[in-house]
Amino acid sequence: MTAFIMRRLIGMVAVLFAVSVLVFIVFILLPGGDPAERMAGKNPTPENIHNIREKWGFDKPFYVQYARMMQKALNGLTPGPHSEYDILRSFDTRQDVVHEIVKGIPATMSLCIGAAIIWLFFGIVVGVVSAVTAGTVSDRLITILALVGISMPVFWLGIVLRFFFAETNTWFPDGGYVPLTSDPTQWFYHLLLPWFCLAVLFIGFYGRVLRSNMLDSMGEDYVRTARAKGLPPRAVLQRHVLRNSLLPTIAVIATQVGYLMGGLVVIELIFNYQGIGQMIFRAATQKDFPALEAAVLVVGVVFLLSTLVADILYSVLNPRVRLGSEQ
């Protein structure tokens, strides 16, 4: 297992390096013109443009420019005062973008992890119940509800729920984020509606995927053999059908991180959450390239980490994958 994880970590580092190079090309080199003039903002002085060009190395080869960008990103993680050109500074707010991302991580991770727990739990429940009762009225009803959930746009659902449950009726808070360390109860209360909005789409999707996998597994020879040996139906369902049916579902989870981040941007805007999603939207609309660079790199890291976790879970549930990769 250790060798398996180490190989995945090495692969993550290589992919992250490639992503960082592509991000630098897209946001610094491709837009055209002098990057120093774009970074200097409105009405820059020649001296300011010269300082930026020198500090960033825009008059030097590509690899020097890239190295200085990564150095500035790492400098943003170190405490203490920094000069104006030592860090990735937002065009719009003139703040350290790494510091802004670090401040937004608690709100974004609270929203992301809570929604993921909800959709995984209810997605498994929906998939199991629908597969066990396949062809019955309850199965058809669950299928209809799942399709409705998949079909509802996140932005529309968020606006409707906020209007009816937070504005027309004050049953839930009308947006905003309360840190977990400040008040756990209010933290949970403020996140209920955003969690539900973000989870609805994935509950229906994972429920349908798991139902299909379970129906396929129920017809396999190993399941018929387990039943012929006299194992109780519940044991057959848990040990053989559900365990093997979860493998493809786990593989799909890592590929959905992109959709999750897209939903986070919308939900944070609707419910006024000061997280990474709202920062991405603001940076995109303001053409704030340093903020976009840092945000895209963070999304890339999250995607790679989710892929690593999915690979580890997949290998735990299916040791043949791990053993095959170690040979």
C-alpha atoms as a PDB file:
ATOM      1  CA  MET A   1       0.000   0.000   0.000  1.00  0.00           C
ATOM      2  CA  THR A   2       2.841   2.404   0.803  1.00  0.00           C
ATOM      3  CA  ALA A   3       4.422   1.927  -2.623  1.00  0.00           C
ATOM      4  CA  PHE A   4       0.996   2.353  -4.232  1.00  0.00           C
ATOM      5  CA  ILE A   5       0.421   5.690  -2.463  1.00  0.00           C
ATOM      6  CA  MET A   6       3.960   6.915  -3.198  1.00  0.00           C
ATOM      7  CA  ARG A   7       3.506   6.302  -6.923  1.00  0.00           C
ATOM      8  CA  ARG A   8       0.234   8.229  -6.848  1.00  0.00           C
ATOM      9  CA  LEU A   9       1.901  11.120  -4.976  1.00  0.00           C
ATOM     10  CA  ILE A  10       4.716  11.290  -7.508  1.00  0.00           C
ATOM     11  CA  GLY A  11       2.159  11.336 -10.299  1.00  0.00           C
ATOM     12  CA  MET A  12       0.272  14.140  -8.520  1.00  0.00           C
ATOM     13  CA  VAL A  13       3.428  16.263  -8.327  1.00  0.00           C
ATOM     14  CA  ALA A  14       4.079  15.780 -12.044  1.00  0.00           C
ATOM     15  CA  VAL A  15       0.484  16.664 -12.961  1.00  0.00           C
ATOM     16  CA  LEU A  16       0.471  19.703 -10.665  1.00  0.00           C
ATOM     17  CA  PHE A  17       3.684  20.952 -12.278  1.00  0.00           C
ATOM     18  CA  ALA A  18       2.106  20.603 -15.727  1.00  0.00           C
ATOM     19  CA  VAL A  19      -1.034  22.408 -14.546  1.00  0.00           C
ATOM     20  CA  SER A  20       0.995  25.272 -13.074  1.00  0.00           C
ATOM     21  CA  VAL A  21       2.904  25.705 -16.353  1.00  0.00           C
ATOM     22  CA  LEU A  22      -0.340  25.734 -18.366  1.00  0.00           C
ATOM     23  CA  VAL A  23      -1.885  28.232 -15.959  1.00  0.00           C
ATOM     24  CA  PHE A  24       1.110  30.519 -16.364  1.00  0.00           C
ATOM     25  CA  ILE A  25       0.928  30.288 -20.168  1.00  0.00           C
ATOM     26  CA  VAL A  26      -2.826  30.936 -20.288  1.00  0.00           C
ATOM     27  CA  PHE A  27      -2.960  33.873 -17.890  1.00  0.00           C
ATOM     28  CA  ILE A  28       0.416  35.541 -18.474  1.00  0.00           C
ATOM     29  CA  LEU A  29       1.675  34.781 -21.955  1.00  0.00           C
ATOM     30  CA  LEU A  30      -1.379  34.193 -24.135  1.00  0.00           C
ATOM     31  CA  PRO A  31      -3.385  37.414 -23.485  1.00  0.00           C
ATOM     32  CA  GLY A  32      -0.775  39.363 -25.453  1.00  0.00           C
ATOM     33  CA  GLY A  33       0.858  42.684 -24.816  1.00  0.00           C
ATOM     34  CA  ASP A  34       3.221  43.540 -22.008  1.00  0.00           C
ATOM     35  CA  PRO A  35       2.184  41.643 -18.835  1.00  0.00           C
ATOM     36  CA  ALA A  36       3.765  44.360 -16.719  1.00  0.00           C
ATOM     37  CA  GLU A  37       1.367  46.941 -18.159  1.00  0.00           C
ATOM     38  CA  ARG A  38      -1.639  44.726 -17.363  1.00  0.00           C
ATOM     39  CA  MET A  39      -0.423  44.136 -13.810  1.00  0.00           C
ATOM     40  CA  ALA A  40       0.237  47.831 -13.193  1.00  0.00           C
ATOM     41  CA  GLY A  41      -3.500  48.566 -13.342  1.00  0.00           C
ATOM     42  CA  LYS A  42      -5.087  51.807 -14.484  1.00  0.00           C
ATOM     43  CA  ASN A  43      -2.970  54.897 -15.151  1.00  0.00           C
ATOM     44  CA  PRO A  44       0.391  53.313 -14.303  1.00  0.00           C
ATOM     45  CA  THR A  45       3.619  55.283 -14.232  1.00  0.00           C
ATOM     46  CA  PRO A  46       6.607  54.185 -16.343  1.00  0.00           C
ATOM     47  CA  GLU A  47       8.542  53.565 -13.147  1.00  0.00           C
ATOM     48  CA  ASN A  48       5.831  51.264 -11.824  1.00  0.00           C
ATOM     49  CA  ILE A  49       5.783  49.268 -15.077  1.00  0.00           C
ATOM     50  CA  HIS A  50       9.577  49.000 -15.016  1.00  0.00           C
ATOM     51  CA  ASN A  51       9.568  47.728 -11.416  1.00  0.00           C
ATOM     52  CA  ILE A  52       6.969  45.074 -12.204  1.00  0.00           C
ATOM     53  CA  ARG A  53       8.832  43.936 -15.330  1.00  0.00           C
ATOM     54  CA  GLU A  54      12.055  43.643 -13.336  1.00  0.00           C
ATOM     55  CA  LYS A  55      10.585  41.930 -10.272  1.00  0.00           C
ATOM     56  CA  TRP A  56       8.609  39.389 -12.324  1.00  0.00           C
ATOM     57  CA  GLY A  57      11.393  38.865 -14.848  1.00  0.00           C
ATOM     58  CA  PHE A  58       9.227  39.652 -17.881  1.00  0.00           C
ATOM     59  CA  ASP A  59      12.384  40.728 -19.702  1.00  0.00           C
ATOM     60  CA  LYS A  60      13.916  37.306 -19.099  1.00  0.00           C
ATOM     61  CA  PRO A  61      13.269  33.786 -20.542  1.00  0.00           C
ATOM     62  CA  PHE A  62      10.023  31.927 -19.932  1.00  0.00           C
ATOM     63  CA  TYR A  63      11.406  29.585 -17.275  1.00  0.00           C
ATOM     64  CA  VAL A  64      12.665  32.516 -15.191  1.00  0.00           C
ATOM     65  CA  GLN A  65       9.236  34.153 -15.321  1.00  0.00           C
ATOM     66  CA  TYR A  66       7.574  30.882 -14.264  1.00  0.00           C
ATOM     67  CA  ALA A  67      10.010  30.348 -11.401  1.00  0.00           C
ATOM     68  CA  ARG A  68       9.387  33.838 -10.061  1.00  0.00           C
ATOM     69  CA  MET A  69       5.621  33.378 -10.244  1.00  0.00           C
ATOM     70  CA  MET A  70       5.831  30.174  -8.183  1.00  0.00           C
ATOM     71  CA  GLN A  71       8.189  31.889  -5.736  1.00  0.00           C
ATOM     72  CA  LYS A  72       5.697  34.706  -5.228  1.00  0.00           C
ATOM     73  CA  ALA A  73       2.896  32.179  -4.675  1.00  0.00           C
ATOM     74  CA  LEU A  74       4.979  30.413  -2.010  1.00  0.00           C
ATOM     75  CA  ASN A  75       5.908  33.737  -0.418  1.00  0.00           C
ATOM     76  CA  GLY A  76       2.206  34.376   0.101  1.00  0.00           C
ATOM     77  CA  LEU A  77       2.100  31.325   2.392  1.00  0.00           C
ATOM     78  CA  THR A  78       4.882  32.591   4.647  1.00  0.00           C
ATOM     79  CA  PRO A  79       3.989  34.916   7.533  1.00  0.00           C
ATOM     80  CA  GLY A  80       5.441  38.355   7.942  1.00  0.00           C
ATOM     81  CA  PRO A  81       5.535  41.567   5.903  1.00  0.00           C
ATOM     82  CA  HIS A  82       6.218  41.445   2.169  1.00  0.00           C
ATOM     83  CA  SER A  83       7.036  44.101  -0.347  1.00  0.00           C
ATOM     84  CA  GLU A  84       4.576  44.987  -3.081  1.00  0.00           C
ATOM     85  CA  TYR A  85       6.260  42.800  -5.691  1.00  0.00           C
ATOM     86  CA  ASP A  86       7.147  39.763  -3.537  1.00  0.00           C
ATOM     87  CA  ILE A  87       3.695  38.175  -3.677  1.00  0.00           C
ATOM     88  CA  LEU A  88       0.856  37.474  -6.101  1.00  0.00           C
ATOM     89  CA  ARG A  89      -1.156  40.658  -5.696  1.00  0.00           C
ATOM     90  CA  SER A  90      -4.724  41.063  -6.963  1.00  0.00           C
ATOM     91  CA  PHE A  91      -5.271  43.648  -9.698  1.00  0.00           C
ATOM     92  CA  ASP A  92      -8.624  44.553  -8.164  1.00  0.00           C
ATOM     93  CA  THR A  93      -8.133  44.560  -4.381  1.00  0.00           C
ATOM     94  CA  ARG A  94      -4.318  44.912  -4.334  1.00  0.00           C
ATOM     95  CA  GLN A  95      -4.272  42.183  -1.670  1.00  0.00           C
ATOM     96  CA  ASP A  96      -2.169  39.031  -1.517  1.00  0.00           C
ATOM     97  CA  VAL A  97      -4.296  36.515  -3.462  1.00  0.00           C
ATOM     98  CA  VAL A  98      -2.832  33.531  -1.599  1.00  0.00           C
ATOM     99  CA  HIS A  99      -3.861  35.131   1.695  1.00  0.00           C
ATOM    100  CA  GLU A 100      -7.363  35.772   0.321  1.00  0.00           C
ATOM    101  CA  ILE A 101      -7.674  32.134  -0.758  1.00  0.00           C
ATOM    102  CA  VAL A 102      -6.519  30.892   2.635  1.00  0.00           C
ATOM    103  CA  LYS A 103      -9.174  33.082   4.283  1.00  0.00           C
ATOM    104  CA  GLY A 104     -11.874  31.671   1.975  1.00  0.00           C
ATOM    105  CA  ILE A 105     -10.933  27.999   2.419  1.00  0.00           C
ATOM    106  CA  PRO A 106     -12.929  27.399   5.666  1.00  0.00           C
ATOM    107  CA  ALA A 107     -16.213  28.590   4.120  1.00  0.00           C
ATOM    108  CA  THR A 108     -15.675  26.714   0.861  1.00  0.00           C
ATOM    109  CA  MET A 109     -14.530  23.486   2.528  1.00  0.00           C
ATOM    110  CA  SER A 110     -17.451  23.609   4.979  1.00  0.00           C
ATOM    111  CA  LEU A 111     -19.853  23.894   2.057  1.00  0.00           C
ATOM    112  CA  CYS A 112     -18.081  21.252  -0.030  1.00  0.00           C
ATOM    113  CA  ILE A 113     -17.532  18.580   2.639  1.00  0.00           C
ATOM    114  CA  GLY A 114     -21.007  18.942   4.162  1.00  0.00           C
ATOM    115  CA  ALA A 115     -22.716  18.671   0.775  1.00  0.00           C
ATOM    116  CA  ALA A 116     -20.543  15.669  -0.135  1.00  0.00           C
ATOM    117  CA  ILE A 117     -21.521  13.811   3.046  1.00  0.00           C
ATOM    118  CA  ILE A 118     -25.196  14.484   2.372  1.00  0.00           C
ATOM    119  CA  TRP A 119     -25.186  13.397  -1.261  1.00  0.00           C
ATOM    120  CA  LEU A 120     -23.074  10.275  -0.595  1.00  0.00           C
ATOM    121  CA  PHE A 121     -25.317   9.120   2.251  1.00  0.00           C
ATOM    122  CA  PHE A 122     -28.616   9.777   0.513  1.00  0.00           C
ATOM    123  CA  GLY A 123     -27.222   8.701  -2.860  1.00  0.00           C
ATOM    124  CA  ILE A 124     -26.343   5.292  -1.401  1.00  0.00           C
ATOM    125  CA  VAL A 125     -29.732   5.041   0.326  1.00  0.00           C
ATOM    126  CA  VAL A 126     -31.574   5.961  -2.877  1.00  0.00           C
ATOM    127  CA  GLY A 127     -29.512   3.536  -4.956  1.00  0.00           C
ATOM    128  CA  VAL A 128     -29.926   0.602  -2.562  1.00  0.00           C
ATOM    129  CA  VAL A 129     -33.666   1.088  -2.034  1.00  0.00           C
ATOM    130  CA  SER A 130     -34.266   1.556  -5.746  1.00  0.00           C
ATOM    131  CA  ALA A 131     -32.261  -1.572  -6.646  1.00  0.00           C
ATOM    132  CA  VAL A 132     -33.875  -3.773  -3.979  1.00  0.00           C
ATOM    133  CA  THR A 133     -37.371  -2.663  -5.009  1.00  0.00           C
ATOM    134  CA  ALA A 134     -36.647  -2.619  -8.764  1.00  0.00           C
ATOM    135  CA  GLY A 135     -39.803  -2.586 -10.853  1.00  0.00           C
ATOM    136  CA  THR A 136     -42.122  -1.607  -8.010  1.00  0.00           C
ATOM    137  CA  VAL A 137     -44.016   1.625  -7.454  1.00  0.00           C
ATOM    138  CA  SER A 138     -41.413   2.887  -4.974  1.00  0.00           C
ATOM    139  CA  ASP A 139     -38.639   2.301  -7.527  1.00  0.00           C
ATOM    140  CA  ARG A 140     -40.515   4.304 -10.160  1.00  0.00           C
ATOM    141  CA  LEU A 141     -41.212   7.101  -7.678  1.00  0.00           C
ATOM    142  CA  ILE A 142     -37.534   7.269  -6.658  1.00  0.00           C
ATOM    143  CA  THR A 143     -36.527   7.298 -10.317  1.00  0.00           C
ATOM    144  CA  ILE A 144     -38.836  10.230 -11.034  1.00  0.00           C
ATOM    145  CA  LEU A 145     -37.548  12.188  -8.034  1.00  0.00           C
ATOM    146  CA  ALA A 146     -33.938  11.450  -8.986  1.00  0.00           C
ATOM    147  CA  LEU A 147     -34.499  12.674 -12.539  1.00  0.00           C
ATOM    148  CA  VAL A 148     -36.178  15.816 -11.228  1.00  0.00           C
ATOM    149  CA  GLY A 149     -33.201  16.480  -8.949  1.00  0.00           C
ATOM    150  CA  ILE A 150     -30.709  15.934 -11.768  1.00  0.00           C
ATOM    151  CA  SER A 151     -32.659  18.230 -14.092  1.00  0.00           C
ATOM    152  CA  MET A 152     -32.908  21.223 -11.737  1.00  0.00           C
ATOM    153  CA  PRO A 153     -30.198  23.857 -12.338  1.00  0.00           C
ATOM    154  CA  VAL A 154     -28.264  24.709  -9.200  1.00  0.00           C
ATOM    155  CA  PHE A 155     -28.699  28.467  -9.637  1.00  0.00           C
ATOM    156  CA  TRP A 156     -32.491  28.152 -10.083  1.00  0.00           C
ATOM    157  CA  LEU A 157     -32.888  25.871  -7.070  1.00  0.00           C
ATOM    158  CA  GLY A 158     -30.758  28.148  -4.900  1.00  0.00           C
ATOM    159  CA  ILE A 159     -32.741  31.253  -5.841  1.00  0.00           C
ATOM    160  CA  VAL A 160     -36.093  29.507  -5.265  1.00  0.00           C
ATOM    161  CA  LEU A 161     -35.094  28.069  -1.882  1.00  0.00           C
ATOM    162  CA  ARG A 162     -33.631  31.341  -0.690  1.00  0.00           C
ATOM    163  CA  PHE A 163     -36.753  33.247  -1.773  1.00  0.00           C
ATOM    164  CA  PHE A 164     -39.265  30.907  -0.102  1.00  0.00           C
ATOM    165  CA  PHE A 165     -37.337  29.740   2.975  1.00  0.00           C
ATOM    166  CA  ALA A 166     -35.121  32.719   3.839  1.00  0.00           C
ATOM    167  CA  GLU A 167     -36.812  35.831   2.426  1.00  0.00           C
ATOM    168  CA  THR A 168     -40.575  35.178   2.222  1.00  0.00           C
ATOM    169  CA  ASN A 169     -40.386  32.982   5.343  1.00  0.00           C
ATOM    170  CA  THR A 170     -37.551  33.457   7.795  1.00  0.00           C
ATOM    171  CA  TRP A 171     -37.097  29.766   8.533  1.00  0.00           C
ATOM    172  CA  PHE A 172     -33.450  29.859   7.493  1.00  0.00           C
ATOM    173  CA  PRO A 173     -30.799  32.616   7.471  1.00  0.00           C
ATOM    174  CA  ASP A 174     -30.742  34.790   4.366  1.00  0.00           C
ATOM    175  CA  GLY A 175     -27.190  33.996   3.322  1.00  0.00           C
ATOM    176  CA  GLY A 176     -23.939  34.681   5.076  1.00  0.00           C
ATOM    177  CA  TYR A 177     -21.384  32.415   6.723  1.00  0.00           C
ATOM    178  CA  VAL A 178     -20.679  31.863  10.413  1.00  0.00           C
ATOM    179  CA  PRO A 179     -17.297  30.232  11.220  1.00  0.00           C
ATOM    180  CA  LEU A 180     -17.445  26.877  12.964  1.00  0.00           C
ATOM    181  CA  THR A 181     -15.132  28.106  15.707  1.00  0.00           C
ATOM    182  CA  SER A 182     -17.429  31.053  16.477  1.00  0.00           C
ATOM    183  CA  ASP A 183     -20.759  29.237  16.826  1.00  0.00           C
ATOM    184  CA  PRO A 184     -21.147  25.579  15.688  1.00  0.00           C
ATOM    185  CA  THR A 185     -24.934  25.763  15.853  1.00  0.00           C
ATOM    186  CA  GLN A 186     -25.178  28.858  13.642  1.00  0.00           C
ATOM    187  CA  TRP A 187     -22.523  27.407  11.342  1.00  0.00           C
ATOM    188  CA  PHE A 188     -24.714  24.346  10.775  1.00  0.00           C
ATOM    189  CA  TYR A 189     -27.919  26.417  10.539  1.00  0.00           C
ATOM    190  CA  HIS A 190     -26.483  28.786   7.911  1.00  0.00           C
ATOM    191  CA  LEU A 191     -25.200  25.896   5.785  1.00  0.00           C
ATOM    192  CA  LEU A 192     -28.358  23.770   5.610  1.00  0.00           C
ATOM    193  CA  LEU A 193     -29.878  25.426   2.540  1.00  0.00           C
ATOM    194  CA  PRO A 194     -26.595  25.672   0.588  1.00  0.00           C
ATOM    195  CA  TRP A 195     -25.797  22.036   1.429  1.00  0.00           C
ATOM    196  CA  PHE A 196     -29.172  20.902   0.152  1.00  0.00           C
ATOM    197  CA  CYS A 197     -28.905  22.952  -3.062  1.00  0.00           C
ATOM    198  CA  LEU A 198     -25.479  21.556  -3.871  1.00  0.00           C
ATOM    199  CA  ALA A 199     -26.338  17.964  -2.921  1.00  0.00           C
ATOM    200  CA  VAL A 200     -29.632  17.525  -4.806  1.00  0.00           C
ATOM    201  CA  LEU A 201     -28.019  17.133  -8.217  1.00  0.00           C
ATOM    202  CA  PHE A 202     -25.484  14.569  -7.019  1.00  0.00           C
ATOM    203  CA  ILE A 203     -27.958  12.548  -4.932  1.00  0.00           C
ATOM    204  CA  GLY A 204     -29.995  11.714  -8.011  1.00  0.00           C
ATOM    205  CA  PHE A 205     -26.919  11.076 -10.149  1.00  0.00           C
ATOM    206  CA  TYR A 206     -25.140   8.748  -7.721  1.00  0.00           C
ATOM    207  CA  GLY A 207     -28.380   7.027  -6.801  1.00  0.00           C
ATOM    208  CA  ARG A 208     -28.999   6.128 -10.453  1.00  0.00           C
ATOM    209  CA  VAL A 209     -25.395   4.976 -10.977  1.00  0.00           C
ATOM    210  CA  LEU A 210     -25.447   2.799  -7.857  1.00  0.00           C
ATOM    211  CA  ARG A 211     -28.840   1.302  -8.768  1.00  0.00           C
ATOM    212  CA  SER A 212     -27.560   0.273 -12.190  1.00  0.00           C
ATOM    213  CA  ASN A 213     -24.384  -1.238 -10.723  1.00  0.00           C
ATOM    214  CA  MET A 214     -26.303  -3.174  -8.079  1.00  0.00           C
ATOM    215  CA  LEU A 215     -28.754  -4.616 -10.597  1.00  0.00           C
ATOM    216  CA  ASP A 216     -25.808  -5.799 -12.693  1.00  0.00           C
ATOM    217  CA  SER A 217     -24.090  -7.325  -9.644  1.00  0.00           C
ATOM    218  CA  MET A 218     -27.213  -9.178  -8.547  1.00  0.00           C
ATOM    219  CA  GLY A 219     -27.028 -11.280 -11.704  1.00  0.00           C
ATOM    220  CA  GLU A 220     -23.368 -12.271 -11.279  1.00  0.00           C
ATOM    221  CA  ASP A 221     -22.287 -15.853 -10.535  1.00  0.00           C
ATOM    222  CA  TYR A 222     -20.635 -14.996  -7.210  1.00  0.00           C
ATOM    223  CA  VAL A 223     -23.916 -13.575  -5.904  1.00  0.00           C
ATOM    224  CA  ARG A 224     -25.847 -16.691  -6.950  1.00  0.00           C
ATOM    225  CA  THR A 225     -23.146 -18.833  -5.308  1.00  0.00           C
ATOM    226  CA  ALA A 226     -23.419 -16.870  -2.062  1.00  0.00           C
ATOM    227  CA  ARG A 227     -27.175 -17.362  -2.044  1.00  0.00           C
ATOM    228  CA  ALA A 228     -26.804 -21.062  -2.820  1.00  0.00           C
ATOM    229  CA  LYS A 229     -24.503 -21.447   0.206  1.00  0.00           C
ATOM    230  CA  GLY A 230     -27.308 -20.172   2.413  1.00  0.00           C
ATOM    231  CA  LEU A 231     -26.023 -16.697   3.268  1.00  0.00           C
ATOM    232  CA  PRO A 232     -28.786 -14.402   4.554  1.00  0.00           C
ATOM    233  CA  PRO A 233     -30.083 -11.919   1.949  1.00  0.00           C
ATOM    234  CA  ARG A 234     -28.820  -8.984   4.010  1.00  0.00           C
ATOM    235  CA  ALA A 235     -25.295 -10.428   4.143  1.00  0.00           C
ATOM    236  CA  VAL A 236     -25.326 -11.075   0.404  1.00  0.00           C
ATOM    237  CA  LEU A 237     -26.459  -7.500  -0.212  1.00  0.00           C
ATOM    238  CA  GLN A 238     -23.840  -5.900   2.043  1.00  0.00           C
ATOM    239  CA  ARG A 239     -20.788  -8.115   1.479  1.00  0.00           C
ATOM    240  CA  HIS A 240     -21.143  -8.964  -2.180  1.00  0.00           C
ATOM    241  CA  VAL A 241     -23.592  -6.742  -4.047  1.00  0.00           C
ATOM    242  CA  LEU A 242     -23.080  -3.336  -2.392  1.00  0.00           C
ATOM    243  CA  ARG A 243     -19.326  -3.658  -1.888  1.00  0.00           C
ATOM    244  CA  ASN A 244     -18.664  -4.422  -5.552  1.00  0.00           C
ATOM    245  CA  SER A 245     -21.260  -1.941  -6.794  1.00  0.00           C
ATOM    246  CA  LEU A 246     -19.562   0.915  -4.942  1.00  0.00           C
ATOM    247  CA  LEU A 247     -16.323   0.485  -6.900  1.00  0.00           C
ATOM    248  CA  PRO A 248     -17.489   2.221 -10.111  1.00  0.00           C
ATOM    249  CA  THR A 249     -19.269   4.853  -8.016  1.00  0.00           C
ATOM    250  CA  ILE A 250     -16.043   5.745  -6.196  1.00  0.00           C
ATOM    251  CA  ALA A 251     -14.253   6.061  -9.525  1.00  0.00           C
ATOM    252  CA  VAL A 252     -16.937   8.499 -10.711  1.00  0.00           C
ATOM    253  CA  ILE A 253     -16.696  10.702  -7.601  1.00  0.00           C
ATOM    254  CA  ALA A 254     -13.233  12.036  -8.474  1.00  0.00           C
ATOM    255  CA  THR A 255     -14.376  13.047 -11.959  1.00  0.00           C
ATOM    256  CA  GLN A 256     -17.205  15.156 -10.526  1.00  0.00           C
ATOM    257  CA  VAL A 257     -14.974  17.628  -8.680  1.00  0.00           C
ATOM    258  CA  GLY A 258     -15.129  20.022 -11.638  1.00  0.00           C
ATOM    259  CA  TYR A 259     -18.927  20.057 -11.507  1.00  0.00           C
ATOM    260  CA  LEU A 260     -18.738  20.529  -7.742  1.00  0.00           C
ATOM    261  CA  MET A 261     -16.496  23.595  -8.071  1.00  0.00           C
ATOM    262  CA  GLY A 262     -18.866  25.051 -10.667  1.00  0.00           C
ATOM    263  CA  GLY A 263     -21.754  24.565  -8.269  1.00  0.00           C
ATOM    264  CA  LEU A 264     -19.747  26.121  -5.439  1.00  0.00           C
ATOM    265  CA  VAL A 265     -19.255  29.338  -7.433  1.00  0.00           C
ATOM    266  CA  VAL A 266     -23.012  29.636  -8.013  1.00  0.00           C
ATOM    267  CA  ILE A 267     -24.023  28.722  -4.458  1.00  0.00           C
ATOM    268  CA  GLU A 268     -21.527  31.124  -2.880  1.00  0.00           C
ATOM    269  CA  LEU A 269     -22.855  33.946  -5.058  1.00  0.00           C
ATOM    270  CA  ILE A 270     -26.502  33.196  -4.250  1.00  0.00           C
ATOM    271  CA  PHE A 271     -25.991  32.840  -0.500  1.00  0.00           C
ATOM    272  CA  ASN A 272     -23.288  35.526  -0.227  1.00  0.00           C
ATOM    273  CA  TYR A 273     -20.511  33.247   0.957  1.00  0.00           C
ATOM    274  CA  GLN A 274     -17.054  34.830   0.999  1.00  0.00           C
ATOM    275  CA  GLY A 275     -15.245  31.735  -0.199  1.00  0.00           C
ATOM    276  CA  ILE A 276     -13.037  30.639  -3.066  1.00  0.00           C
ATOM    277  CA  GLY A 277     -16.010  30.319  -5.430  1.00  0.00           C
ATOM    278  CA  GLN A 278     -16.980  33.968  -5.075  1.00  0.00           C
ATOM    279  CA  MET A 279     -13.335  34.957  -5.474  1.00  0.00           C
ATOM    280  CA  ILE A 280     -13.147  33.010  -8.766  1.00  0.00           C
ATOM    281  CA  PHE A 281     -16.242  34.773 -10.080  1.00  0.00           C
ATOM    282  CA  ARG A 282     -14.960  38.209  -9.098  1.00  0.00           C
ATOM    283  CA  ALA A 283     -11.534  37.517 -10.602  1.00  0.00           C
ATOM    284  CA  ALA A 284     -13.063  36.263 -13.863  1.00  0.00           C
ATOM    285  CA  THR A 285     -15.353  39.280 -14.278  1.00  0.00           C
ATOM    286  CA  GLN A 286     -12.580  41.748 -13.395  1.00  0.00           C
ATOM    287  CA  LYS A 287      -9.916  39.938 -15.463  1.00  0.00           C
ATOM    288  CA  ASP A 288      -7.863  39.667 -12.301  1.00  0.00           C
ATOM    289  CA  PHE A 289      -5.180  37.302 -13.648  1.00  0.00           C
ATOM    290  CA  PRO A 290      -3.133  36.735 -10.449  1.00  0.00           C
ATOM    291  CA  ALA A 291      -6.280  35.781  -8.525  1.00  0.00           C
ATOM    292  CA  LEU A 292      -7.384  33.482 -11.350  1.00  0.00           C
ATOM    293  CA  GLU A 293      -3.948  31.853 -11.447  1.00  0.00           C
ATOM    294  CA  ALA A 294      -3.983  31.067  -7.746  1.00  0.00           C
ATOM    295  CA  ALA A 295      -7.619  29.924  -7.762  1.00  0.00           C
ATOM    296  CA  VAL A 296      -7.099  27.572 -10.724  1.00  0.00           C
ATOM    297  CA  LEU A 297      -4.051  26.055  -9.032  1.00  0.00           C
ATOM    298  CA  VAL A 298      -6.082  25.485  -5.856  1.00  0.00           C
ATOM    299  CA  VAL A 299      -8.847  23.791  -7.861  1.00  0.00           C
ATOM    300  CA  GLY A 300      -6.202  21.620  -9.511  1.00  0.00           C
ATOM    301  CA  VAL A 301      -4.808  20.580  -6.128  1.00  0.00           C
ATOM    302  CA  VAL A 302      -8.300  19.735  -4.863  1.00  0.00           C
ATOM    303  CA  PHE A 303      -8.999  17.665  -7.977  1.00  0.00           C
ATOM    304  CA  LEU A 304      -5.716  15.748  -7.615  1.00  0.00           C
ATOM    305  CA  LEU A 305      -6.300  15.097  -3.906  1.00  0.00           C
ATOM    306  CA  SER A 306      -9.813  13.816  -4.593  1.00  0.00           C
ATOM    307  CA  THR A 307      -8.400  11.516  -7.267  1.00  0.00           C
ATOM    308  CA  LEU A 308      -5.805  10.205  -4.803  1.00  0.00           C
ATOM    309  CA  VAL A 309      -8.454   9.528  -2.145  1.00  0.00           C
ATOM    310  CA  ALA A 310     -10.632   7.770  -4.733  1.00  0.00           C
ATOM    311  CA  ASP A 311      -7.679   5.614  -5.830  1.00  0.00           C
ATOM    312  CA  ILE A 312      -6.917   4.645  -2.230  1.00  0.00           C
ATOM    313  CA  LEU A 313     -10.538   3.769  -1.486  1.00  0.00           C
ATOM    314  CA  TYR A 314     -10.759   1.823  -4.733  1.00  0.00           C
ATOM    315  CA  SER A 315      -7.662  -0.185  -3.862  1.00  0.00           C
ATOM    316  CA  VAL A 316      -8.963  -0.889  -0.336  1.00  0.00           C
ATOM    317  CA  LEU A 317     -12.288  -2.179  -1.646  1.00  0.00           C
ATOM    318  CA  ASN A 318     -10.645  -4.017  -4.553  1.00  0.00           C
ATOM    319  CA  PRO A 319      -7.152  -5.284  -3.524  1.00  0.00           C
ATOM    320  CA  ARG A 320      -6.599  -6.730  -7.002  1.00  0.00           C
ATOM    321  CA  VAL A 321      -6.085  -3.190  -8.299  1.00  0.00           C
ATOM    322  CA  ARG A 322      -3.340  -2.535  -5.733  1.00  0.00           C
ATOM    323  CA  LEU A 323      -1.685  -5.913  -6.196  1.00  0.00           C
ATOM    324  CA  GLY A 324      -1.754  -5.563  -9.974  1.00  0.00           C
ATOM    325  CA  SER A 325      -0.059  -2.180  -9.833  1.00  0.00           C
ATOM    326  CA  GLU A 326       2.661  -3.477  -7.491  1.00  0.00           C
ATOM    327  CA  GLN A 327       3.688  -6.320  -9.781  1.00  0.00           C
END
